[in-house]
N, C-alpha and C. Protein backbone atom coordinates (compact mmCIF):
# COMPACT_ATOMS: atom_id res chain seq x y z
N MET A 1 17.86 10.45 -14.59
CA MET A 1 17.22 11.73 -13.88
C MET A 1 17.04 11.95 -12.44
N GLN A 2 17.37 13.06 -12.42
CA GLN A 2 17.56 13.87 -10.96
C GLN A 2 16.05 14.23 -10.62
N THR A 3 16.35 14.21 -9.31
CA THR A 3 15.03 15.00 -8.36
C THR A 3 15.24 15.90 -7.48
N PHE A 4 14.53 16.89 -7.65
CA PHE A 4 14.60 17.78 -6.74
C PHE A 4 13.22 17.96 -5.77
N THR A 5 13.20 18.20 -4.55
CA THR A 5 12.43 18.72 -3.67
C THR A 5 12.25 19.74 -3.35
N THR A 6 10.76 20.11 -3.81
CA THR A 6 10.24 21.46 -3.48
C THR A 6 9.75 21.78 -2.36
N SER A 7 9.91 23.32 -2.05
CA SER A 7 9.44 23.84 -1.26
C SER A 7 8.60 24.98 -1.30
N GLY A 8 7.33 25.41 -1.01
CA GLY A 8 6.47 26.14 -1.12
C GLY A 8 5.47 26.09 -2.23
N VAL A 9 4.91 24.85 -2.58
CA VAL A 9 4.33 24.82 -4.07
C VAL A 9 3.61 23.49 -3.43
N CYS A 10 2.69 23.75 -4.78
CA CYS A 10 1.69 22.30 -4.72
C CYS A 10 2.61 21.01 -5.13
N ALA A 11 3.16 21.44 -5.92
CA ALA A 11 4.35 19.55 -6.45
C ALA A 11 5.07 19.67 -5.51
N LYS A 12 5.19 18.20 -5.33
CA LYS A 12 6.00 17.65 -4.37
C LYS A 12 7.53 17.60 -4.28
N THR A 13 7.87 17.33 -5.98
CA THR A 13 9.38 16.86 -5.93
C THR A 13 9.09 17.37 -7.99
N ILE A 14 10.27 17.49 -8.43
CA ILE A 14 10.37 18.10 -9.74
C ILE A 14 11.71 16.58 -10.50
N ASP A 15 11.44 16.14 -11.44
CA ASP A 15 12.11 14.88 -12.05
C ASP A 15 12.88 16.00 -13.10
N PHE A 16 13.90 15.42 -13.10
CA PHE A 16 14.47 16.44 -14.82
C PHE A 16 15.66 15.78 -15.13
N LYS A 17 15.97 15.58 -16.52
CA LYS A 17 17.38 15.13 -17.16
C LYS A 17 17.84 16.33 -18.10
N ILE A 18 19.14 16.15 -17.65
CA ILE A 18 19.80 17.39 -18.40
C ILE A 18 21.45 16.30 -19.34
N GLU A 19 21.13 16.74 -20.52
CA GLU A 19 22.33 16.49 -21.41
C GLU A 19 23.28 17.57 -22.05
N ASP A 20 24.49 17.54 -22.18
CA ASP A 20 24.76 18.60 -22.60
C ASP A 20 24.59 20.06 -22.24
N GLY A 21 23.98 20.55 -20.93
CA GLY A 21 23.75 21.72 -20.83
C GLY A 21 22.04 21.78 -21.17
N ILE A 22 21.61 21.01 -21.78
CA ILE A 22 20.33 21.19 -22.24
C ILE A 22 19.37 20.46 -21.52
N LEU A 23 18.20 20.69 -20.95
CA LEU A 23 17.00 20.17 -20.21
C LEU A 23 16.27 19.29 -21.58
N LYS A 24 16.47 17.88 -21.12
CA LYS A 24 15.75 16.99 -21.79
C LYS A 24 14.36 16.54 -21.35
N ASP A 25 14.07 16.53 -20.06
CA ASP A 25 12.78 16.18 -19.59
C ASP A 25 12.92 16.52 -18.54
N VAL A 26 11.31 16.89 -18.34
CA VAL A 26 10.95 17.44 -16.89
C VAL A 26 9.51 16.68 -16.27
N LYS A 27 9.26 16.51 -15.54
CA LYS A 27 8.05 16.01 -14.94
C LYS A 27 8.02 16.53 -13.44
N PHE A 28 6.63 17.46 -13.40
CA PHE A 28 6.27 17.82 -11.86
C PHE A 28 5.28 16.81 -10.93
N ASN A 29 5.92 16.27 -10.18
CA ASN A 29 4.82 15.36 -9.29
C ASN A 29 4.17 16.25 -8.59
N GLY A 30 2.87 16.07 -8.70
CA GLY A 30 1.81 16.97 -7.97
C GLY A 30 1.62 18.19 -8.69
N GLY A 31 0.58 19.26 -7.69
CA GLY A 31 0.02 20.14 -8.52
C GLY A 31 -0.56 20.54 -9.62
N CYS A 32 -0.76 21.29 -10.22
CA CYS A 32 -1.87 21.66 -11.53
C CYS A 32 -1.15 20.82 -12.59
N PRO A 33 -1.68 19.62 -13.07
CA PRO A 33 -1.54 18.77 -13.69
C PRO A 33 -1.28 19.41 -15.31
N GLY A 34 -2.17 20.33 -15.76
CA GLY A 34 -2.14 20.96 -17.41
C GLY A 34 -1.25 22.10 -16.94
N ASN A 35 -0.73 22.63 -16.25
CA ASN A 35 0.21 23.78 -15.92
C ASN A 35 1.77 22.99 -16.08
N ALA A 36 1.38 22.16 -15.25
CA ALA A 36 3.02 21.28 -15.14
C ALA A 36 3.48 20.58 -16.57
N ILE A 37 2.38 19.94 -17.18
CA ILE A 37 2.62 19.25 -18.50
C ILE A 37 2.75 20.40 -19.67
N GLY A 38 2.09 21.53 -19.55
CA GLY A 38 2.57 22.70 -20.14
C GLY A 38 3.82 23.10 -20.21
N LEU A 39 4.04 23.67 -19.05
CA LEU A 39 5.77 24.43 -18.61
C LEU A 39 6.58 23.14 -18.96
N SER A 40 6.14 21.78 -18.58
CA SER A 40 7.35 20.80 -19.21
C SER A 40 7.79 20.90 -20.88
N ALA A 41 6.44 20.99 -21.54
CA ALA A 41 6.78 20.84 -22.65
C ALA A 41 7.51 22.12 -23.43
N VAL A 42 7.20 23.13 -22.52
CA VAL A 42 7.68 24.49 -23.22
C VAL A 42 9.09 24.61 -23.07
N VAL A 43 9.87 24.08 -22.06
CA VAL A 43 11.13 24.25 -21.30
C VAL A 43 12.10 23.01 -21.96
N LYS A 44 11.50 22.05 -22.74
CA LYS A 44 12.03 20.81 -23.13
C LYS A 44 12.80 21.06 -24.54
N GLY A 45 14.26 21.09 -23.99
CA GLY A 45 15.22 21.23 -25.57
C GLY A 45 15.96 22.87 -24.97
N MET A 46 15.64 23.57 -24.18
CA MET A 46 16.10 24.56 -24.05
C MET A 46 17.38 24.56 -23.24
N LYS A 47 18.18 25.43 -23.25
CA LYS A 47 19.70 25.71 -22.52
C LYS A 47 19.08 25.90 -20.90
N ILE A 48 19.84 25.38 -19.87
CA ILE A 48 19.53 24.93 -18.34
C ILE A 48 19.82 27.02 -18.23
N GLU A 49 20.82 27.65 -18.78
CA GLU A 49 20.58 28.86 -18.39
C GLU A 49 19.43 29.94 -18.72
N ASP A 50 18.72 29.72 -19.99
CA ASP A 50 17.81 30.06 -20.43
C ASP A 50 16.41 30.02 -19.62
N VAL A 51 16.40 28.60 -19.02
CA VAL A 51 15.24 28.26 -18.27
C VAL A 51 15.13 29.39 -17.12
N ILE A 52 16.60 29.15 -16.38
CA ILE A 52 16.47 30.21 -15.28
C ILE A 52 16.09 31.20 -15.24
N ALA A 53 16.85 31.90 -16.57
CA ALA A 53 16.58 33.45 -16.70
C ALA A 53 15.12 33.93 -17.02
N ARG A 54 14.48 33.03 -17.69
CA ARG A 54 12.80 32.87 -18.16
C ARG A 54 12.12 32.66 -16.97
N LEU A 55 12.68 31.84 -16.31
CA LEU A 55 11.72 31.62 -15.06
C LEU A 55 12.00 32.07 -13.29
N GLU A 56 12.89 32.24 -13.32
CA GLU A 56 13.31 32.47 -11.83
C GLU A 56 12.80 33.61 -11.14
N GLY A 57 12.23 33.47 -9.88
CA GLY A 57 11.50 35.03 -9.36
C GLY A 57 9.83 34.89 -9.79
N THR A 58 9.40 34.03 -10.73
CA THR A 58 8.09 33.81 -10.87
C THR A 58 7.25 33.25 -9.27
N GLU A 59 6.30 34.07 -9.28
CA GLU A 59 5.51 34.01 -7.78
C GLU A 59 4.08 33.36 -8.38
N CYS A 60 3.56 32.49 -7.74
CA CYS A 60 2.51 32.12 -7.83
C CYS A 60 1.21 32.60 -6.60
N GLY A 61 0.30 33.21 -7.00
CA GLY A 61 -0.74 34.01 -5.67
C GLY A 61 0.13 34.69 -5.06
N ASP A 62 -0.36 34.33 -3.67
CA ASP A 62 0.53 35.60 -2.85
C ASP A 62 1.89 34.77 -2.06
N LYS A 63 2.02 33.43 -2.97
CA LYS A 63 3.59 33.14 -2.56
C LYS A 63 4.68 33.70 -3.00
N SER A 64 5.97 33.51 -2.36
CA SER A 64 7.20 34.15 -2.70
C SER A 64 7.56 33.07 -3.85
N THR A 65 7.42 32.05 -4.42
CA THR A 65 7.94 31.18 -5.50
C THR A 65 6.68 30.26 -6.24
N SER A 66 6.91 29.54 -7.31
CA SER A 66 5.82 28.85 -7.91
C SER A 66 6.32 27.54 -8.55
N CYS A 67 5.66 26.97 -8.76
CA CYS A 67 6.47 25.57 -9.70
C CYS A 67 8.05 26.34 -10.83
N PRO A 68 7.31 26.94 -11.67
CA PRO A 68 8.63 27.65 -12.30
C PRO A 68 9.82 28.06 -11.73
N ASP A 69 9.57 28.45 -10.68
CA ASP A 69 10.88 29.41 -9.48
C ASP A 69 11.06 28.23 -8.89
N GLN A 70 10.64 27.13 -8.67
CA GLN A 70 11.41 25.81 -8.19
C GLN A 70 12.24 25.35 -9.17
N LEU A 71 11.73 25.02 -10.47
CA LEU A 71 12.69 24.80 -11.59
C LEU A 71 13.80 25.34 -11.36
N ALA A 72 13.76 26.75 -11.60
CA ALA A 72 14.99 27.63 -11.65
C ALA A 72 15.86 26.90 -10.51
N ASN A 73 15.24 27.33 -9.47
CA ASN A 73 16.07 26.91 -8.32
C ASN A 73 16.82 25.45 -8.60
N ALA A 74 16.29 24.48 -9.18
CA ALA A 74 16.76 23.18 -9.24
C ALA A 74 17.97 23.28 -10.09
N LEU A 75 17.87 23.93 -11.11
CA LEU A 75 18.78 24.16 -12.37
C LEU A 75 19.55 24.73 -11.85
N LYS A 76 19.51 25.84 -10.42
CA LYS A 76 21.00 26.51 -10.43
C LYS A 76 22.11 25.54 -9.64
N LYS A 77 20.84 24.83 -8.86
CA LYS A 77 21.80 23.72 -7.93
C LYS A 77 23.01 22.90 -9.03
N ILE A 78 22.38 22.93 -10.02
CA ILE A 78 23.28 21.91 -11.12
C ILE A 78 24.26 22.73 -11.77
N ILE A 79 24.52 23.99 -11.82
CA ILE A 79 25.32 24.38 -12.71
C ILE A 79 26.48 25.42 -11.71
N LYS A 80 26.01 25.36 -10.50
CA LYS A 80 27.33 25.99 -9.32
C LYS A 80 28.03 24.94 -9.50
C-alpha cells in the first residue's frame, strides 16, 4: 500500500495499492465515510489512467479540489 497525504479536503490521507496499472485497493482516511467507501468500490479494478480521466478536476462545494480529485492527483504522481 502507498499513502498519499491530501490537501484541501476532509480526508487526511489516501491509502492505495496498484498492480500492473490496475487500482486494486483504495482507502480514504477521514472525510465522509459513505462517499469514501462508495468511491473506493467504484474505482477498484480500474486502470489508473481511467480513474484519473474520470476524477481529475472534481470539486467539492466551494473548494477547488475534492477527495476524488486528490485520488487523481495521487495516481498522477505514480505514472510520471
